[in-house]
Protein backbone atom coordinates (compact mmCIF):
# COMPACT_ATOMS: atom_id res chain seq x y z
CA UNK A 1 21.50 -7.97 41.88
CA UNK A 2 22.29 -6.26 38.82
CA UNK A 3 19.71 -4.19 37.28
CA UNK A 4 21.64 -4.07 34.04
CA UNK A 5 21.58 -7.35 33.06
CA UNK A 6 18.54 -7.81 29.97
CA UNK A 7 15.87 -10.17 30.93
CA UNK A 8 15.56 -13.41 30.01
CA UNK A 9 12.97 -12.80 27.20
CA UNK A 10 15.13 -10.23 26.15
CA UNK A 11 18.19 -12.08 25.51
CA UNK A 12 16.44 -14.75 23.84
CA UNK A 13 15.30 -12.00 21.27
CA UNK A 14 18.78 -10.65 20.71
CA UNK A 15 20.10 -14.30 20.41
CA UNK A 16 17.24 -15.12 18.35
CA UNK A 17 17.65 -12.01 15.95
CA UNK A 18 20.91 -12.53 15.27
CA UNK A 19 20.38 -16.24 14.44
CA UNK A 20 17.53 -15.04 12.41
CA UNK A 21 20.29 -12.77 10.18
CA UNK A 22 22.54 -15.64 9.30
CA UNK A 23 19.78 -17.85 8.23
CA UNK A 24 18.55 -14.88 6.14
CA UNK A 25 22.29 -14.65 4.51
CA UNK A 26 21.40 -17.86 2.80
CA UNK A 27 17.97 -17.31 1.74
CA UNK A 28 17.09 -15.10 -1.53
CA UNK A 29 16.88 -11.68 -0.93
CA UNK A 30 12.91 -11.29 -1.31
CA UNK A 31 12.72 -13.67 1.84
CA UNK A 32 14.30 -10.15 3.87
CA UNK A 33 11.22 -8.23 2.99
CA UNK A 34 8.65 -10.82 4.15
CA UNK A 35 10.61 -11.20 7.47
CA UNK A 36 10.45 -7.56 7.87
CA UNK A 37 6.31 -7.59 7.04
CA UNK A 38 6.14 -9.92 9.63
CA UNK A 39 8.22 -8.86 12.47
CA UNK A 40 5.94 -6.52 14.77
CA UNK A 41 3.30 -9.68 14.49
CA UNK A 42 5.80 -12.67 15.44
CA UNK A 43 7.31 -13.73 17.99
CA UNK A 44 11.85 -14.11 16.98
CA UNK A 45 11.39 -17.96 17.77
CA UNK A 46 8.30 -18.26 15.24
CA UNK A 47 10.43 -16.04 13.08
CA UNK A 48 13.47 -18.68 13.14
CA UNK A 49 11.19 -21.46 12.74
CA UNK A 50 9.59 -19.90 9.47
CA UNK A 51 13.44 -19.59 8.00
CA UNK A 52 14.39 -23.19 8.58
CA UNK A 53 10.38 -24.24 6.89
CA UNK A 54 11.64 -21.80 3.92
CA UNK A 55 15.52 -23.24 3.61
CA UNK A 56 14.15 -26.95 3.44
CA UNK A 57 11.51 -25.65 1.08
CA UNK A 58 14.07 -24.01 -1.58
CA UNK A 59 16.67 -26.69 -0.59
CA UNK A 60 13.97 -29.45 -2.27
CA UNK A 61 13.34 -27.21 -5.12
CA UNK A 62 17.00 -27.43 -5.66
CA UNK A 63 17.42 -30.68 -5.66
CA UNK A 64 14.27 -31.94 -7.38
CA UNK A 65 13.96 -29.66 -10.06
CA UNK A 66 16.49 -29.24 -12.77
CA UNK A 67 15.75 -25.94 -14.20
CA UNK A 68 15.71 -24.36 -11.24
CA UNK A 69 19.00 -26.20 -9.67
CA UNK A 70 21.06 -24.40 -12.47
CA UNK A 71 21.04 -21.18 -10.68
CA UNK A 72 23.41 -22.46 -8.41
CA UNK A 73 22.77 -21.18 -5.07
CA UNK A 74 19.36 -21.12 -3.23
CA UNK A 75 20.23 -17.32 -3.03
CA UNK A 76 20.09 -16.37 -6.69
CA UNK A 77 16.34 -18.13 -7.20
CA UNK A 78 14.52 -15.07 -8.96
CA UNK A 79 11.05 -14.89 -7.29
CA UNK A 80 9.40 -15.76 -10.41
CA UNK A 81 10.30 -19.23 -9.73
CA UNK A 82 7.39 -18.75 -6.97
CA UNK A 83 4.85 -17.95 -9.62
CA UNK A 84 5.47 -21.36 -11.51
CA UNK A 85 4.97 -23.39 -8.47
CA UNK A 86 1.59 -25.23 -8.52
CA UNK A 87 -0.58 -27.26 -5.49
CA UNK A 88 0.55 -30.41 -7.38
CA UNK A 89 3.85 -28.85 -6.71
CA UNK A 90 3.38 -28.34 -2.92
CA UNK A 91 1.33 -31.09 -2.40
CA UNK A 92 4.04 -33.45 -3.68
CA UNK A 93 6.69 -31.46 -1.59
CA UNK A 94 4.46 -32.59 1.67
CA UNK A 95 4.59 -35.98 0.36
CA UNK A 96 8.59 -35.67 0.22
CA UNK A 97 8.21 -34.00 3.90
CA UNK A 98 7.36 -37.66 5.46
CA UNK A 99 10.63 -39.03 4.99
CA UNK A 100 13.80 -36.75 3.73
CA UNK A 101 17.44 -37.04 3.63
CA UNK A 102 19.49 -35.33 5.74
CA UNK A 103 23.17 -33.03 6.52
CA UNK A 104 24.37 -36.43 7.70
CA UNK A 105 23.47 -38.62 5.21
CA UNK A 106 20.41 -40.42 8.10
CA UNK A 107 16.69 -39.67 7.53
CA UNK A 108 14.02 -37.30 9.17
CA UNK A 109 10.82 -38.17 9.67
CA UNK A 110 7.84 -35.56 9.43
CA UNK A 111 4.58 -36.70 11.48
CA UNK A 112 1.46 -34.58 10.80
CA UNK A 113 2.04 -31.92 13.19
CA UNK A 114 5.73 -31.32 11.06
CA UNK A 115 4.42 -31.31 7.63
CA UNK A 116 1.06 -29.44 8.91
CA UNK A 117 3.90 -26.69 10.29
CA UNK A 118 6.36 -26.13 7.22
CA UNK A 119 2.90 -26.35 4.89
CA UNK A 120 1.76 -23.14 6.92
CA UNK A 121 4.93 -21.34 7.11
CA UNK A 122 4.81 -21.52 3.06
CA UNK A 123 0.58 -20.38 2.75
CA UNK A 124 1.90 -17.45 5.41
CA UNK A 125 5.20 -16.77 3.06
CA UNK A 126 2.95 -17.40 -0.76
CA UNK A 127 -0.09 -15.29 1.90
CA UNK A 128 2.36 -11.64 2.15
CA UNK A 129 4.14 -11.98 -0.90
CA UNK A 130 0.95 -12.24 -3.24
CA UNK A 131 -0.76 -9.52 -0.74
CA UNK A 132 2.18 -7.10 -1.95
CA UNK A 133 1.54 -8.20 -5.28
CA UNK A 134 5.45 -9.53 -5.27
CA UNK A 135 3.59 -13.38 -6.81
CA UNK A 136 0.37 -13.18 -9.61
CA UNK A 137 0.06 -16.89 -8.04
CA UNK A 138 -1.13 -18.28 -4.65
CA UNK A 139 -0.96 -21.80 -4.63
CA UNK A 140 -0.40 -22.51 -1.43
CA UNK A 141 -3.99 -21.42 -0.29
CA UNK A 142 -5.39 -23.90 -2.90
CA UNK A 143 -3.52 -27.05 -0.46
CA UNK A 144 -5.53 -28.31 2.20
CA UNK A 145 -3.56 -28.41 5.73
CA UNK A 146 -2.99 -32.61 6.48
CA UNK A 147 -5.79 -34.07 9.05
CA UNK A 148 -4.41 -34.70 12.22
CA UNK A 149 -5.03 -37.23 14.49
CA UNK A 150 -5.93 -36.44 18.27
CA UNK A 151 -3.85 -38.46 20.34
CA UNK A 152 -4.13 -39.16 24.19
CA UNK A 153 -3.13 -36.90 26.31
CA UNK A 154 -0.12 -38.45 28.47
CA UNK A 155 0.00 -36.94 32.29
CA UNK A 156 0.77 -38.28 35.88
CA UNK A 157 -1.66 -39.70 37.79
CA UNK A 158 -2.20 -37.91 41.67
CA UNK A 159 0.00 -41.07 42.72
CA UNK A 160 2.45 -40.72 39.79
CA UNK A 161 3.44 -37.45 40.61
CA UNK A 162 3.22 -38.29 44.49
CA UNK A 163 5.75 -41.07 43.41
CA UNK A 164 7.76 -38.68 41.30
CA UNK A 165 7.90 -35.30 44.03
CA UNK A 166 9.18 -37.94 46.30
CA UNK A 167 12.00 -39.15 44.47
CA UNK A 168 13.12 -35.89 44.12
CA UNK A 169 13.74 -35.89 47.55
CA UNK A 170 15.24 -38.84 48.24
CA UNK A 171 16.98 -40.36 45.28
CA UNK A 172 16.51 -43.51 46.36
CA UNK A 173 16.11 -45.65 42.73
CA UNK A 174 18.77 -42.76 40.84
CA UNK A 175 21.95 -44.49 39.65
CA UNK A 176 25.15 -44.26 41.74
CA UNK A 177 26.68 -41.13 39.01
CA UNK A 178 23.30 -39.23 39.25
CA UNK A 179 23.54 -39.51 43.17
CA UNK A 180 26.96 -37.82 43.43
CA UNK A 181 25.67 -34.77 42.36
CA UNK A 182 21.58 -35.17 43.70
CA UNK A 183 22.40 -33.60 46.88
CA UNK A 184 23.20 -30.32 45.32
CA UNK A 185 19.99 -30.27 43.25
CA UNK A 186 17.47 -31.77 44.94
CA UNK A 187 16.07 -28.62 46.28
CA UNK A 188 16.37 -26.68 43.40
CA UNK A 189 14.69 -29.77 41.37
CA UNK A 190 12.32 -29.75 43.37
CA UNK A 191 11.39 -26.67 43.74
CA UNK A 192 11.28 -26.43 39.82
CA UNK A 193 9.11 -29.69 39.28
CA UNK A 194 6.67 -28.46 41.73
CA UNK A 195 6.06 -24.86 40.54
CA UNK A 196 5.48 -26.55 36.82
CA UNK A 197 3.38 -29.42 38.67
CA UNK A 198 1.24 -26.63 40.62
CA UNK A 199 1.32 -23.70 38.21
CA UNK A 200 1.19 -25.37 34.60
CA UNK A 201 3.71 -22.91 33.46
CA UNK A 202 6.07 -23.92 29.93
CA UNK A 203 9.20 -25.09 30.87
CA UNK A 204 10.89 -22.07 28.59
CA UNK A 205 8.69 -20.17 31.27
CA UNK A 206 10.04 -21.64 34.10
CA UNK A 207 13.25 -21.23 33.14
CA UNK A 208 13.04 -17.66 32.32
CA UNK A 209 11.86 -16.81 36.05
CA UNK A 210 13.97 -13.76 37.46
CA UNK A 211 14.04 -13.17 41.31
CA UNK A 212 11.76 -10.27 41.20
CA UNK A 213 9.21 -12.54 39.67
CA UNK A 214 8.48 -14.49 42.76
CA UNK A 215 6.11 -12.25 45.31
CA UNK A 216 5.54 -14.03 47.95
CA UNK A 217 3.77 -12.46 49.54
CA UNK A 218 0.68 -12.64 46.79
CA UNK A 219 1.87 -15.81 46.23
CA UNK A 220 2.33 -15.50 42.23
CA UNK A 221 4.95 -15.61 39.67
CA UNK A 222 5.26 -13.08 36.98
CA UNK A 223 5.41 -14.70 33.52
CA UNK A 224 6.15 -14.27 29.97
CA UNK A 225 4.21 -15.71 27.82
CA UNK A 226 3.87 -16.83 23.69
CA UNK A 227 3.28 -13.45 21.82
CA UNK A 228 5.60 -11.45 24.18
CA UNK A 229 2.11 -11.07 27.11
CA UNK A 230 3.28 -11.13 30.87
CA UNK A 231 0.63 -12.53 33.43
CA UNK A 232 0.96 -13.17 37.45
CA UNK A 233 -0.07 -16.64 37.95
CA UNK A 234 -0.82 -18.00 41.39
CA UNK A 235 0.65 -20.79 43.42
CA UNK A 236 -0.76 -22.77 46.67
CA UNK A 237 1.36 -23.70 49.78
CA UNK A 238 3.09 -26.51 48.85
CA UNK A 239 4.85 -24.66 46.22
CA UNK A 240 5.08 -21.89 47.90
CA UNK A 241 7.33 -24.10 50.65
CA UNK A 242 9.25 -25.29 47.85
CA UNK A 243 10.61 -22.13 46.24
CA UNK A 244 10.86 -20.62 49.66
CA UNK A 245 13.84 -24.06 50.75
CA UNK A 246 15.14 -23.31 47.49
CA UNK A 247 15.64 -19.49 47.24
CA UNK A 248 17.92 -20.09 51.01
CA UNK A 249 20.22 -22.13 49.04
CA UNK A 250 19.82 -19.82 46.06
CA UNK A 251 20.88 -16.56 48.43
CA UNK A 252 24.36 -18.59 49.03
CA UNK A 253 25.26 -19.17 45.61
CA UNK A 254 27.28 -16.73 42.91
CA UNK A 255 25.93 -16.90 39.64
CA UNK A 256 27.98 -16.30 36.61
CA UNK A 257 28.19 -13.14 34.45
CA UNK A 258 25.17 -12.58 33.08
CA UNK A 259 22.61 -14.93 35.00
CA UNK A 260 22.54 -12.41 38.18
CA UNK A 261 19.01 -12.42 37.89
CA UNK A 262 18.12 -15.69 37.19
CA UNK A 263 15.84 -18.14 39.85
CA UNK A 264 16.72 -21.28 38.84
CA UNK A 265 20.89 -21.92 38.46
CA UNK A 266 23.04 -25.23 36.82
CA UNK A 267 25.57 -26.27 38.97
CA UNK A 268 27.70 -24.01 36.76
CA UNK A 269 25.88 -21.30 38.20
CA UNK A 270 24.58 -20.14 35.04
CA UNK A 271 20.54 -19.80 34.36
CA UNK A 272 19.01 -23.29 33.70
CA UNK A 273 17.91 -24.14 29.78
CA UNK A 274 14.66 -25.66 28.82
CA UNK A 275 17.31 -28.70 27.72
CA UNK A 276 18.58 -29.35 31.00
CA UNK A 277 15.16 -29.19 32.81
CA UNK A 278 13.67 -32.02 29.86
CA UNK A 279 17.21 -34.12 31.57
CA UNK A 280 15.56 -33.47 34.55
CA UNK A 281 12.13 -34.39 34.14
CA UNK A 282 12.92 -37.80 32.92
CA UNK A 283 15.56 -38.65 35.30
CA UNK A 284 12.86 -38.89 37.82
CA UNK A 285 9.58 -39.40 36.09
CA UNK A 286 11.32 -42.84 34.84
CA UNK A 287 11.77 -43.89 38.47
CA UNK A 288 7.50 -42.95 38.96
CA UNK A 289 6.05 -43.79 35.87
CA UNK A 290 8.12 -46.07 34.03
CA UNK A 291 5.77 -46.42 30.93
CA UNK A 292 5.42 -42.91 30.46
CA UNK A 293 7.43 -40.58 28.53
CA UNK A 294 6.93 -37.55 30.61
CA UNK A 295 8.03 -34.74 29.50
CA UNK A 296 8.09 -31.28 31.15
CA UNK A 297 5.10 -30.09 28.98
CA UNK A 298 3.58 -33.24 30.44
CA UNK A 299 3.50 -31.92 33.44
CA UNK A 300 2.40 -28.91 32.03
CA UNK A 301 -1.07 -31.67 31.00
CA UNK A 302 -1.15 -32.98 34.28
CA UNK A 303 -1.98 -29.74 35.84
CA UNK A 304 -4.56 -28.19 33.53
CA UNK A 305 -6.34 -31.54 33.79
CA UNK A 306 -6.62 -31.88 37.84
CA UNK A 307 -7.47 -28.16 37.73
CA UNK A 308 -10.41 -29.12 34.84
CA UNK A 309 -11.23 -31.94 36.92
CA UNK A 310 -11.33 -30.02 40.02
CA UNK A 311 -12.96 -26.63 38.60
CA UNK A 312 -14.92 -27.76 35.81
CA UNK A 313 -14.46 -24.51 34.41
CA UNK A 314 -12.47 -24.59 30.54
CA UNK A 315 -11.80 -20.80 30.43
CA UNK A 316 -10.34 -20.62 34.49
CA UNK A 317 -7.81 -23.46 32.39
CA UNK A 318 -7.44 -21.37 29.33
CA UNK A 319 -6.26 -18.46 30.92
CA UNK A 320 -4.52 -19.93 33.98
CA UNK A 321 -2.10 -21.77 31.21
CA UNK A 322 -2.05 -19.30 28.86
CA UNK A 323 -3.79 -20.11 25.73
CA UNK A 324 -5.14 -17.19 23.50
CA UNK A 325 -7.76 -19.72 22.35
CA UNK A 326 -10.37 -21.48 24.10
CA UNK A 327 -10.60 -24.50 21.53
CA UNK A 328 -6.97 -24.99 22.03
CA UNK A 329 -7.66 -26.05 25.80
CA UNK A 330 -11.47 -27.77 24.87
CA UNK A 331 -9.03 -30.23 22.37
CA UNK A 332 -6.88 -30.97 24.68
CA UNK A 333 -8.98 -31.83 27.26
CA UNK A 334 -12.03 -33.15 25.52
CA UNK A 335 -12.15 -36.76 27.00
CA UNK A 336 -12.09 -35.24 30.53
CA UNK A 337 -14.90 -33.38 28.98
CA UNK A 338 -16.97 -36.57 27.67
CA UNK A 339 -16.16 -37.84 31.53
CA UNK A 340 -18.88 -34.78 32.55
CA UNK A 341 -21.32 -35.24 29.69
CA UNK A 342 -21.10 -39.00 30.88
CA UNK A 343 -21.39 -38.06 34.64
CA UNK A 344 -24.28 -35.59 33.64
CA UNK A 345 -26.85 -38.39 32.53
CA UNK A 346 -28.37 -39.00 35.81
CA UNK A 347 -28.40 -35.42 36.99
CA UNK A 348 -31.60 -34.41 35.76
CA UNK A 349 -34.99 -35.74 37.38
CA UNK A 350 -37.89 -35.65 35.14
CA UNK A 351 -39.96 -37.54 37.84
CA UNK A 352 -39.77 -38.38 41.54
CA UNK A 353 -39.94 -42.42 42.03
CA UNK A 354 -42.71 -43.11 44.72
CA UNK A 355 -41.74 -44.69 47.74
CA UNK A 356 -43.17 -48.27 47.08
C-alpha cells in the first residue's frame, strides 16, 4: 500500500482550493478578502458553494441594473455598489431565483431550500463586509429567510430493504446490459449498500473510505465527517460479512495510480465517486421500491428511522449520524416522535380498574 498517497479528504480539499481560485478570478477583488476571512471556519466545499452563489448574485445585478451593467464585467463592480442595495432589492432577487435562465437557454428552478442557501450565502457575505467596515449597510440582515415546508421523509420499509439486498445478490431483474457487469460488481455493490444501510454514513463518507479505515477487530470504520472531524462508526454482523466478502475480492485488484488506498473501486480500478454510487443505488432500488425515489441519502434516512424506532434515543441517533445539532435530527424524525407520543397515551395508569 502506498503510504505517500494523500487521503481522499485531502485530495478533495486540494481540488476544491484550485477550483475556488478559478471561481474567484471571475469575482470582484473584495470577494477574495471575504473568502480568506471565512477560510478557518468553513469547509472547502462550502466555500465553493458560496462562490457559486455570489457569482449568480453579481450576474443578476449586471443583467437587471443598467447602471451596474456599465462596469462591463462582474470583476469591475466596485464595493460601493453593495452599499446601494436595499432589502427590497434582495427580495426581488429571491423572486428571480425561483426561476432563472441559464447559459444553455433553458431555465433553472430553485425550490425553497435552494433559495434559502443562496440567501444564506449573501447574509454571510454582507455580515463579514459589514463587521470589517468594508460596507456601511447590511441589507441582507433585514431580509427574512424563506419558510421551508416540511416534506415527508422517503425511506425504505423493512421488506423493501430485503428486496433491494436480494436484488443486488441475484441481479435477476436487471437489464441484459446491466447483467453483463453484475458479476464483476455485485460483491462491491452489496458491501457498499449494506454498509450505508447498516451505519447511516453519508455517500461522500462511503466513497472516501480507505482500506485502513476499516477495523474488523472492533467492527468499526473511521469516517471523515462534515467540518473535518473524524469519527468511528460501528457496524453489525451483516455489514461485517458483506465487507469481508468484498475485501477478498479487493485484495486481488491492482488499483490505478492515486487510488491505492481506496476501499471501493470502480471497474476502472479508481476510487468510486458519489455520482457512481447514486446511479447504482437508483438501479437496484428501482426493482425494490419502484414508486419511491431512493438515493443514498434515503438509505441514511432508512437507517436513522430504524435506529430511532429501536432505541427511542434521539441523541444517540444524532451522534451516530454525525449531526452537530440534535434539532436537525429531531426535525427529520418528527413523524416518528409523534407516533411514540401517541403510543404513550395509555402507558401511565391513574387508577387500577377493579375486576368485575
